Amino acid sequence: MSLSLHGVDLIHANGQSALNGIELKVGNGERVAIIGPSGAGKTSLLRLLATSLKPAAGQLELLGAAPWSLSSGARQRLRARIGLIHQAPPLPPRQRVVTAVLAGKLGQWPLAKGLLNLLHPLDSAGAAAALARLDLADKLFERCDQLSGGQLQRVGIARVLYQAPELILADEPVSAMDPVLADHTLGVLCAEASRRGVTLLASLHAVELALAHFPRIVGVRDGRIAFDRPREAVSQADLDALYANEQLHGSLPYSPPVAAPALHIPRC
């Protein structure tokens, strides 16, 4: 079992409840998409699984360990086994892309090696190979502030490909990409997870992409799991209830040209 949550609550520092009574189990090698309206708790759930946030109640297990019962050093070693892809990767503007990708190994390298890598890239070929899978090999030595939002997202994904973690958590990893590129990039990410037999959880704004790439769909609304089904079992009624009234707020996500069940996808 890659992860297990039983009766998990999460309360933000301001006292606002973010997650309530979460029950979720994900086996080794599963690919799971998390969908739901804005503010539903998708990002909070992924940050909880990344051990960036501590649950207020309930039981959480990750990769065979209870992270908040570990020492700080052991918890840090656990984090090195988890790859987190941010919607807006926290990359220093003046940092070169090669250094940003190689940073995926910082949690696994000795401190001296990590510091040396900041001065001189220790595995440019490895970084280039990860970038090439995302059609970014030509950006290897460019600065991050010279890239577009979609390119930065792909650099963040390349960093996790280079890290080769046991669990991949992706928070809206393709939100800044056009439909065709988003579809291709998710395909690369899912292929990596399948090839290495690692677990992948991704929150996605575009329901079409979730249905096209992920065998299991978890719907989240108001900090609770609304449904958890194989994609073939996700019904129009499930989606209508999940996104009820959301069409009244904000802009609508795109509809990528990907294969998906013939459902009327609600817009959030």
C-alpha atoms as a PDB file:
ATOM      1  CA  MET A   1       0.000   0.000   0.000  1.00  0.00           C
ATOM      2  CA  SER A   2       1.479   3.360  -1.038  1.00  0.00           C
ATOM      3  CA  LEU A   3      -0.739   5.493   1.158  1.00  0.00           C
ATOM      4  CA  SER A   4      -3.654   5.227   3.529  1.00  0.00           C
ATOM      5  CA  LEU A   5      -5.790   7.890   5.204  1.00  0.00           C
ATOM      6  CA  HIS A   6      -8.365   7.012   7.831  1.00  0.00           C
ATOM      7  CA  GLY A   7     -10.629   9.679   9.309  1.00  0.00           C
ATOM      8  CA  VAL A   8      -8.164  12.436   8.421  1.00  0.00           C
ATOM      9  CA  ASP A   9      -9.029  16.064   9.149  1.00  0.00           C
ATOM     10  CA  LEU A  10      -6.960  19.086   8.198  1.00  0.00           C
ATOM     11  CA  ILE A  11      -7.374  22.541   9.725  1.00  0.00           C
ATOM     12  CA  HIS A  12      -5.426  25.520   8.441  1.00  0.00           C
ATOM     13  CA  ALA A  13      -3.571  27.866  10.781  1.00  0.00           C
ATOM     14  CA  ASN A  14      -6.423  30.387  10.510  1.00  0.00           C
ATOM     15  CA  GLY A  15      -8.817  27.804  11.916  1.00  0.00           C
ATOM     16  CA  GLN A  16     -10.519  27.056   8.615  1.00  0.00           C
ATOM     17  CA  SER A  17     -11.367  23.413   8.007  1.00  0.00           C
ATOM     18  CA  ALA A  18      -9.794  22.151   4.765  1.00  0.00           C
ATOM     19  CA  LEU A  19     -10.400  18.379   4.878  1.00  0.00           C
ATOM     20  CA  ASN A  20     -12.974  16.397   6.833  1.00  0.00           C
ATOM     21  CA  GLY A  21     -12.988  12.670   7.572  1.00  0.00           C
ATOM     22  CA  ILE A  22     -10.920  11.648   4.552  1.00  0.00           C
ATOM     23  CA  GLU A  23     -10.879   7.901   3.869  1.00  0.00           C
ATOM     24  CA  LEU A  24      -8.547   6.906   1.051  1.00  0.00           C
ATOM     25  CA  LYS A  25      -6.298   3.985   0.213  1.00  0.00           C
ATOM     26  CA  VAL A  26      -4.049   3.831  -2.854  1.00  0.00           C
ATOM     27  CA  GLY A  27      -2.087   0.723  -3.738  1.00  0.00           C
ATOM     28  CA  ASN A  28       1.395   0.491  -5.165  1.00  0.00           C
ATOM     29  CA  GLY A  29       1.525   1.510  -8.824  1.00  0.00           C
ATOM     30  CA  GLU A  30      -1.976   2.992  -9.015  1.00  0.00           C
ATOM     31  CA  ARG A  31      -2.662   6.120 -11.070  1.00  0.00           C
ATOM     32  CA  VAL A  32      -5.348   8.298  -9.501  1.00  0.00           C
ATOM     33  CA  ALA A  33      -6.791  11.625 -10.654  1.00  0.00           C
ATOM     34  CA  ILE A  34      -8.283  13.984  -8.089  1.00  0.00           C
ATOM     35  CA  ILE A  35     -10.950  16.276  -9.513  1.00  0.00           C
ATOM     36  CA  GLY A  36     -13.359  18.794  -8.064  1.00  0.00           C
ATOM     37  CA  PRO A  37     -14.281  22.488  -8.049  1.00  0.00           C
ATOM     38  CA  SER A  38     -11.913  25.245  -7.021  1.00  0.00           C
ATOM     39  CA  GLY A  39     -11.445  25.353  -3.260  1.00  0.00           C
ATOM     40  CA  ALA A  40     -12.624  21.771  -2.810  1.00  0.00           C
ATOM     41  CA  GLY A  41      -9.452  20.684  -0.965  1.00  0.00           C
ATOM     42  CA  LYS A  42      -7.465  19.042  -3.780  1.00  0.00           C
ATOM     43  CA  THR A  43      -4.256  20.965  -3.142  1.00  0.00           C
ATOM     44  CA  SER A  44      -4.628  20.581   0.622  1.00  0.00           C
ATOM     45  CA  LEU A  45      -4.906  16.820   0.181  1.00  0.00           C
ATOM     46  CA  LEU A  46      -1.723  16.654  -1.897  1.00  0.00           C
ATOM     47  CA  ARG A  47       0.187  18.893   0.528  1.00  0.00           C
ATOM     48  CA  LEU A  48      -0.943  16.616   3.344  1.00  0.00           C
ATOM     49  CA  LEU A  49       0.372  13.588   1.451  1.00  0.00           C
ATOM     50  CA  ALA A  50       3.645  15.410   0.808  1.00  0.00           C
ATOM     51  CA  THR A  51       3.925  15.934   4.605  1.00  0.00           C
ATOM     52  CA  SER A  52       3.962  19.696   4.098  1.00  0.00           C
ATOM     53  CA  LEU A  53       0.885  19.850   6.330  1.00  0.00           C
ATOM     54  CA  LYS A  54       0.124  17.866   9.474  1.00  0.00           C
ATOM     55  CA  PRO A  55      -3.351  16.364   9.943  1.00  0.00           C
ATOM     56  CA  ALA A  56      -5.423  17.604  12.863  1.00  0.00           C
ATOM     57  CA  ALA A  57      -6.973  14.166  13.377  1.00  0.00           C
ATOM     58  CA  GLY A  58      -6.981  10.669  11.929  1.00  0.00           C
ATOM     59  CA  GLN A  59      -4.327   8.261  10.718  1.00  0.00           C
ATOM     60  CA  LEU A  60      -1.982   8.818   7.782  1.00  0.00           C
ATOM     61  CA  GLU A  61       0.494   6.282   6.395  1.00  0.00           C
ATOM     62  CA  LEU A  62       2.871   6.866   3.490  1.00  0.00           C
ATOM     63  CA  LEU A  63       5.152   4.263   1.920  1.00  0.00           C
ATOM     64  CA  GLY A  64       4.818   2.021   4.956  1.00  0.00           C
ATOM     65  CA  ALA A  65       5.463   4.735   7.548  1.00  0.00           C
ATOM     66  CA  ALA A  66       3.423   7.037   9.772  1.00  0.00           C
ATOM     67  CA  PRO A  67       5.240  10.291   8.920  1.00  0.00           C
ATOM     68  CA  TRP A  68       4.252  12.298  11.978  1.00  0.00           C
ATOM     69  CA  SER A  69       5.439   9.610  14.376  1.00  0.00           C
ATOM     70  CA  LEU A  70       8.935   9.708  12.846  1.00  0.00           C
ATOM     71  CA  SER A  71      11.849  11.844  13.932  1.00  0.00           C
ATOM     72  CA  SER A  72      12.439  14.956  11.840  1.00  0.00           C
ATOM     73  CA  GLY A  73      15.433  13.288  10.161  1.00  0.00           C
ATOM     74  CA  ALA A  74      13.483  10.144   9.301  1.00  0.00           C
ATOM     75  CA  ARG A  75      10.591  12.233   7.998  1.00  0.00           C
ATOM     76  CA  GLN A  76      13.001  14.147   5.778  1.00  0.00           C
ATOM     77  CA  ARG A  77      14.292  10.856   4.362  1.00  0.00           C
ATOM     78  CA  LEU A  78      10.692   9.827   3.692  1.00  0.00           C
ATOM     79  CA  ARG A  79      10.105  13.090   1.817  1.00  0.00           C
ATOM     80  CA  ALA A  80      13.068  12.292  -0.423  1.00  0.00           C
ATOM     81  CA  ARG A  81      11.095   9.259  -1.643  1.00  0.00           C
ATOM     82  CA  ILE A  82       8.162  11.475  -2.689  1.00  0.00           C
ATOM     83  CA  GLY A  83       8.141  13.635  -5.813  1.00  0.00           C
ATOM     84  CA  LEU A  84       5.966  16.737  -5.624  1.00  0.00           C
ATOM     85  CA  ILE A  85       5.063  18.626  -8.811  1.00  0.00           C
ATOM     86  CA  HIS A  86       3.785  22.146  -8.122  1.00  0.00           C
ATOM     87  CA  GLN A  87       1.313  24.057 -10.242  1.00  0.00           C
ATOM     88  CA  ALA A  88       3.769  26.978 -10.105  1.00  0.00           C
ATOM     89  CA  PRO A  89       7.201  25.388  -9.551  1.00  0.00           C
ATOM     90  CA  PRO A  90       9.213  27.327  -6.920  1.00  0.00           C
ATOM     91  CA  LEU A  91      12.252  27.845  -9.158  1.00  0.00           C
ATOM     92  CA  PRO A  92      14.659  30.744  -8.519  1.00  0.00           C
ATOM     93  CA  PRO A  93      14.423  33.081 -11.540  1.00  0.00           C
ATOM     94  CA  ARG A  94      18.177  33.252 -12.117  1.00  0.00           C
ATOM     95  CA  GLN A  95      18.715  29.509 -11.710  1.00  0.00           C
ATOM     96  CA  ARG A  96      19.644  27.547 -14.813  1.00  0.00           C
ATOM     97  CA  VAL A  97      17.298  24.822 -15.960  1.00  0.00           C
ATOM     98  CA  VAL A  98      19.972  22.121 -15.611  1.00  0.00           C
ATOM     99  CA  THR A  99      20.432  23.009 -11.929  1.00  0.00           C
ATOM    100  CA  ALA A 100      16.674  23.070 -11.351  1.00  0.00           C
ATOM    101  CA  VAL A 101      16.277  19.556 -12.777  1.00  0.00           C
ATOM    102  CA  LEU A 102      19.258  18.117 -10.891  1.00  0.00           C
ATOM    103  CA  ALA A 103      17.772  19.496  -7.667  1.00  0.00           C
ATOM    104  CA  GLY A 104      15.439  16.507  -7.806  1.00  0.00           C
ATOM    105  CA  LYS A 105      18.235  14.455  -6.229  1.00  0.00           C
ATOM    106  CA  LEU A 106      19.125  16.887  -3.420  1.00  0.00           C
ATOM    107  CA  GLY A 107      17.205  14.861  -0.864  1.00  0.00           C
ATOM    108  CA  GLN A 108      19.183  11.754  -1.849  1.00  0.00           C
ATOM    109  CA  TRP A 109      22.661  13.287  -2.227  1.00  0.00           C
ATOM    110  CA  PRO A 110      25.072  14.080   0.613  1.00  0.00           C
ATOM    111  CA  LEU A 111      25.163  17.765   1.535  1.00  0.00           C
ATOM    112  CA  ALA A 112      28.605  18.302   0.005  1.00  0.00           C
ATOM    113  CA  LYS A 113      27.479  16.859  -3.329  1.00  0.00           C
ATOM    114  CA  GLY A 114      24.382  19.028  -3.341  1.00  0.00           C
ATOM    115  CA  LEU A 115      26.417  22.172  -2.688  1.00  0.00           C
ATOM    116  CA  LEU A 116      28.913  21.243  -5.388  1.00  0.00           C
ATOM    117  CA  ASN A 117      26.061  20.740  -7.836  1.00  0.00           C
ATOM    118  CA  LEU A 118      24.974  24.348  -7.277  1.00  0.00           C
ATOM    119  CA  LEU A 119      28.394  25.480  -8.486  1.00  0.00           C
ATOM    120  CA  HIS A 120      28.815  22.988 -11.318  1.00  0.00           C
ATOM    121  CA  PRO A 121      26.125  20.632 -12.689  1.00  0.00           C
ATOM    122  CA  LEU A 122      27.185  17.075 -11.849  1.00  0.00           C
ATOM    123  CA  ASP A 123      24.939  15.216 -14.309  1.00  0.00           C
ATOM    124  CA  SER A 124      24.085  17.413 -17.272  1.00  0.00           C
ATOM    125  CA  ALA A 125      23.422  14.344 -19.405  1.00  0.00           C
ATOM    126  CA  GLY A 126      20.842  13.030 -16.944  1.00  0.00           C
ATOM    127  CA  ALA A 127      19.085  16.391 -16.791  1.00  0.00           C
ATOM    128  CA  ALA A 128      19.104  16.651 -20.579  1.00  0.00           C
ATOM    129  CA  ALA A 129      17.561  13.187 -20.901  1.00  0.00           C
ATOM    130  CA  ALA A 130      14.706  14.099 -18.550  1.00  0.00           C
ATOM    131  CA  LEU A 131      14.095  17.372 -20.395  1.00  0.00           C
ATOM    132  CA  ALA A 132      14.197  15.646 -23.784  1.00  0.00           C
ATOM    133  CA  ARG A 133      11.211  13.504 -22.810  1.00  0.00           C
ATOM    134  CA  LEU A 134       9.264  16.758 -22.434  1.00  0.00           C
ATOM    135  CA  ASP A 135      10.656  18.403 -25.578  1.00  0.00           C
ATOM    136  CA  LEU A 136      12.805  20.832 -23.580  1.00  0.00           C
ATOM    137  CA  ALA A 137      16.342  19.556 -24.226  1.00  0.00           C
ATOM    138  CA  ASP A 138      17.247  22.831 -25.939  1.00  0.00           C
ATOM    139  CA  LYS A 139      16.506  24.765 -22.708  1.00  0.00           C
ATOM    140  CA  LEU A 140      19.146  22.931 -20.628  1.00  0.00           C
ATOM    141  CA  PHE A 141      21.355  25.936 -19.876  1.00  0.00           C
ATOM    142  CA  GLU A 142      18.763  28.713 -20.032  1.00  0.00           C
ATOM    143  CA  ARG A 143      17.699  30.646 -16.955  1.00  0.00           C
ATOM    144  CA  CYS A 144      14.311  29.872 -15.476  1.00  0.00           C
ATOM    145  CA  ASP A 145      13.151  33.477 -15.853  1.00  0.00           C
ATOM    146  CA  GLN A 146      13.509  33.102 -19.623  1.00  0.00           C
ATOM    147  CA  LEU A 147      10.843  30.380 -19.788  1.00  0.00           C
ATOM    148  CA  SER A 148       7.074  30.549 -20.170  1.00  0.00           C
ATOM    149  CA  GLY A 149       4.691  29.261 -17.514  1.00  0.00           C
ATOM    150  CA  GLY A 150       4.105  26.029 -19.405  1.00  0.00           C
ATOM    151  CA  GLN A 151       7.832  25.488 -19.871  1.00  0.00           C
ATOM    152  CA  LEU A 152       8.422  26.032 -16.161  1.00  0.00           C
ATOM    153  CA  GLN A 153       5.797  23.410 -15.376  1.00  0.00           C
ATOM    154  CA  ARG A 154       7.592  20.960 -17.655  1.00  0.00           C
ATOM    155  CA  VAL A 155      10.897  21.731 -15.917  1.00  0.00           C
ATOM    156  CA  GLY A 156       9.197  20.872 -12.616  1.00  0.00           C
ATOM    157  CA  ILE A 157       8.014  17.585 -14.097  1.00  0.00           C
ATOM    158  CA  ALA A 158      11.491  16.859 -15.508  1.00  0.00           C
ATOM    159  CA  ARG A 159      12.914  17.367 -12.007  1.00  0.00           C
ATOM    160  CA  VAL A 160      10.627  14.655 -10.663  1.00  0.00           C
ATOM    161  CA  LEU A 161      11.451  12.354 -13.590  1.00  0.00           C
ATOM    162  CA  TYR A 162      15.125  12.783 -12.701  1.00  0.00           C
ATOM    163  CA  GLN A 163      14.412  12.250  -8.987  1.00  0.00           C
ATOM    164  CA  ALA A 164      12.752   8.861  -9.723  1.00  0.00           C
ATOM    165  CA  PRO A 165      10.639   8.826  -6.522  1.00  0.00           C
ATOM    166  CA  GLU A 166       8.422   6.009  -5.226  1.00  0.00           C
ATOM    167  CA  LEU A 167       5.353   8.252  -5.014  1.00  0.00           C
ATOM    168  CA  ILE A 168       4.524  11.127  -7.381  1.00  0.00           C
ATOM    169  CA  LEU A 169       2.113  13.878  -6.309  1.00  0.00           C
ATOM    170  CA  ALA A 170       1.171  16.386  -9.004  1.00  0.00           C
ATOM    171  CA  ASP A 171      -0.840  19.528  -8.250  1.00  0.00           C
ATOM    172  CA  GLU A 172      -2.410  20.862 -11.470  1.00  0.00           C
ATOM    173  CA  PRO A 173       0.803  19.973 -13.353  1.00  0.00           C
ATOM    174  CA  VAL A 174      -0.374  21.082 -16.826  1.00  0.00           C
ATOM    175  CA  SER A 175      -2.603  24.066 -16.051  1.00  0.00           C
ATOM    176  CA  ALA A 176      -0.381  26.537 -17.963  1.00  0.00           C
ATOM    177  CA  MET A 177      -0.125  24.403 -21.119  1.00  0.00           C
ATOM    178  CA  ASP A 178      -2.211  24.377 -24.270  1.00  0.00           C
ATOM    179  CA  PRO A 179      -4.536  21.366 -24.731  1.00  0.00           C
ATOM    180  CA  VAL A 180      -2.286  19.321 -27.016  1.00  0.00           C
ATOM    181  CA  LEU A 181       0.839  19.893 -24.932  1.00  0.00           C
ATOM    182  CA  ALA A 182      -1.051  19.171 -21.710  1.00  0.00           C
ATOM    183  CA  ASP A 183      -2.260  15.858 -23.121  1.00  0.00           C
ATOM    184  CA  HIS A 184       1.258  14.909 -24.275  1.00  0.00           C
ATOM    185  CA  THR A 185       2.871  15.897 -20.969  1.00  0.00           C
ATOM    186  CA  LEU A 186       0.398  13.921 -18.875  1.00  0.00           C
ATOM    187  CA  GLY A 187       1.037  10.985 -21.176  1.00  0.00           C
ATOM    188  CA  VAL A 188       4.765  11.193 -20.422  1.00  0.00           C
ATOM    189  CA  LEU A 189       4.128  11.410 -16.686  1.00  0.00           C
ATOM    190  CA  CYS A 190       1.716   8.476 -16.678  1.00  0.00           C
ATOM    191  CA  ALA A 191       4.057   6.409 -18.844  1.00  0.00           C
ATOM    192  CA  GLU A 192       6.877   7.031 -16.354  1.00  0.00           C
ATOM    193  CA  ALA A 193       4.695   5.927 -13.455  1.00  0.00           C
ATOM    194  CA  SER A 194       3.583   2.817 -15.345  1.00  0.00           C
ATOM    195  CA  ARG A 195       7.117   1.932 -16.490  1.00  0.00           C
ATOM    196  CA  ARG A 196       8.572   2.147 -12.999  1.00  0.00           C
ATOM    197  CA  GLY A 197       5.502   0.812 -11.196  1.00  0.00           C
ATOM    198  CA  VAL A 198       5.255   3.859  -8.943  1.00  0.00           C
ATOM    199  CA  THR A 199       2.123   5.472  -7.582  1.00  0.00           C
ATOM    200  CA  LEU A 200       0.843   8.692  -9.153  1.00  0.00           C
ATOM    201  CA  LEU A 201      -1.805  11.056  -7.779  1.00  0.00           C
ATOM    202  CA  ALA A 202      -2.625  14.178  -9.756  1.00  0.00           C
ATOM    203  CA  SER A 203      -5.147  16.923  -9.163  1.00  0.00           C
ATOM    204  CA  LEU A 204      -6.566  18.182 -12.443  1.00  0.00           C
ATOM    205  CA  HIS A 205      -8.813  21.077 -13.425  1.00  0.00           C
ATOM    206  CA  ALA A 206      -9.657  19.530 -16.809  1.00  0.00           C
ATOM    207  CA  VAL A 207     -11.988  16.582 -16.287  1.00  0.00           C
ATOM    208  CA  GLU A 208     -11.342  15.373 -19.843  1.00  0.00           C
ATOM    209  CA  LEU A 209      -7.655  14.838 -19.079  1.00  0.00           C
ATOM    210  CA  ALA A 210      -8.451  12.957 -15.888  1.00  0.00           C
ATOM    211  CA  LEU A 211     -10.784  10.582 -17.722  1.00  0.00           C
ATOM    212  CA  ALA A 212      -8.348  10.094 -20.583  1.00  0.00           C
ATOM    213  CA  HIS A 213      -5.221   9.280 -18.564  1.00  0.00           C
ATOM    214  CA  PHE A 214      -6.212   7.885 -15.158  1.00  0.00           C
ATOM    215  CA  PRO A 215      -7.901   4.543 -14.407  1.00  0.00           C
ATOM    216  CA  ARG A 216      -9.243   5.766 -11.050  1.00  0.00           C
ATOM    217  CA  ILE A 217     -11.041   9.040 -10.353  1.00  0.00           C
ATOM    218  CA  VAL A 218     -11.541  10.602  -6.919  1.00  0.00           C
ATOM    219  CA  GLY A 219     -13.987  13.495  -6.698  1.00  0.00           C
ATOM    220  CA  VAL A 220     -13.463  16.005  -3.882  1.00  0.00           C
ATOM    221  CA  ARG A 221     -15.929  18.675  -2.803  1.00  0.00           C
ATOM    222  CA  ASP A 222     -16.111  20.813   0.352  1.00  0.00           C
ATOM    223  CA  GLY A 223     -13.142  19.015   1.889  1.00  0.00           C
ATOM    224  CA  ARG A 224     -14.722  15.579   1.573  1.00  0.00           C
ATOM    225  CA  ILE A 225     -14.467  12.710  -0.889  1.00  0.00           C
ATOM    226  CA  ALA A 226     -17.642  12.799  -2.959  1.00  0.00           C
ATOM    227  CA  PHE A 227     -16.886   9.628  -4.922  1.00  0.00           C
ATOM    228  CA  ASP A 228     -14.032   7.221  -5.639  1.00  0.00           C
ATOM    229  CA  ARG A 229     -14.582   5.106  -8.756  1.00  0.00           C
ATOM    230  CA  PRO A 230     -12.925   3.490 -11.759  1.00  0.00           C
ATOM    231  CA  ARG A 231     -13.223   5.958 -14.630  1.00  0.00           C
ATOM    232  CA  GLU A 232     -15.659   3.665 -16.468  1.00  0.00           C
ATOM    233  CA  ALA A 233     -18.038   3.956 -13.516  1.00  0.00           C
ATOM    234  CA  VAL A 234     -17.973   7.765 -13.287  1.00  0.00           C
ATOM    235  CA  SER A 235     -21.438   8.904 -14.340  1.00  0.00           C
ATOM    236  CA  GLN A 236     -22.859  12.160 -15.552  1.00  0.00           C
ATOM    237  CA  ALA A 237     -24.757  12.379 -12.265  1.00  0.00           C
ATOM    238  CA  ASP A 238     -21.456  12.114 -10.354  1.00  0.00           C
ATOM    239  CA  LEU A 239     -19.987  15.010 -12.297  1.00  0.00           C
ATOM    240  CA  ASP A 240     -23.107  17.142 -12.123  1.00  0.00           C
ATOM    241  CA  ALA A 241     -23.212  16.780  -8.328  1.00  0.00           C
ATOM    242  CA  LEU A 242     -19.479  17.383  -7.960  1.00  0.00           C
ATOM    243  CA  TYR A 243     -19.538  20.623  -9.943  1.00  0.00           C
ATOM    244  CA  ALA A 244     -23.015  21.830  -8.977  1.00  0.00           C
ATOM    245  CA  ASN A 245     -23.275  25.629  -9.282  1.00  0.00           C
ATOM    246  CA  GLU A 246     -19.593  25.977 -10.215  1.00  0.00           C
ATOM    247  CA  GLN A 247     -20.478  27.136 -13.724  1.00  0.00           C
ATOM    248  CA  LEU A 248     -21.599  30.383 -12.121  1.00  0.00           C
ATOM    249  CA  HIS A 249     -18.087  31.257 -10.991  1.00  0.00           C
ATOM    250  CA  GLY A 250     -14.957  32.089 -12.970  1.00  0.00           C
ATOM    251  CA  SER A 251     -13.768  31.087 -16.400  1.00  0.00           C
ATOM    252  CA  LEU A 252     -14.254  27.691 -17.931  1.00  0.00           C
ATOM    253  CA  PRO A 253     -11.393  25.206 -18.448  1.00  0.00           C
ATOM    254  CA  TYR A 254     -10.451  24.106 -21.922  1.00  0.00           C
ATOM    255  CA  SER A 255     -11.571  20.872 -23.536  1.00  0.00           C
ATOM    256  CA  PRO A 256      -8.485  19.022 -24.850  1.00  0.00           C
ATOM    257  CA  PRO A 257      -8.811  16.814 -27.946  1.00  0.00           C
ATOM    258  CA  VAL A 258      -8.304  13.552 -26.062  1.00  0.00           C
ATOM    259  CA  ALA A 259     -10.225  10.315 -25.912  1.00  0.00           C
ATOM    260  CA  ALA A 260     -12.678  10.277 -23.020  1.00  0.00           C
ATOM    261  CA  PRO A 261     -16.085   8.822 -22.161  1.00  0.00           C
ATOM    262  CA  ALA A 262     -18.940  10.569 -23.948  1.00  0.00           C
ATOM    263  CA  LEU A 263     -20.087  12.632 -21.000  1.00  0.00           C
ATOM    264  CA  HIS A 264     -21.218  16.210 -20.775  1.00  0.00           C
ATOM    265  CA  ILE A 265     -18.317  17.527 -18.705  1.00  0.00           C
ATOM    266  CA  PRO A 266     -19.295  20.272 -16.247  1.00  0.00           C
ATOM    267  CA  ARG A 267     -17.098  23.354 -16.150  1.00  0.00           C
ATOM    268  CA  CYS A 268     -15.482  24.681 -13.020  1.00  0.00           C
END
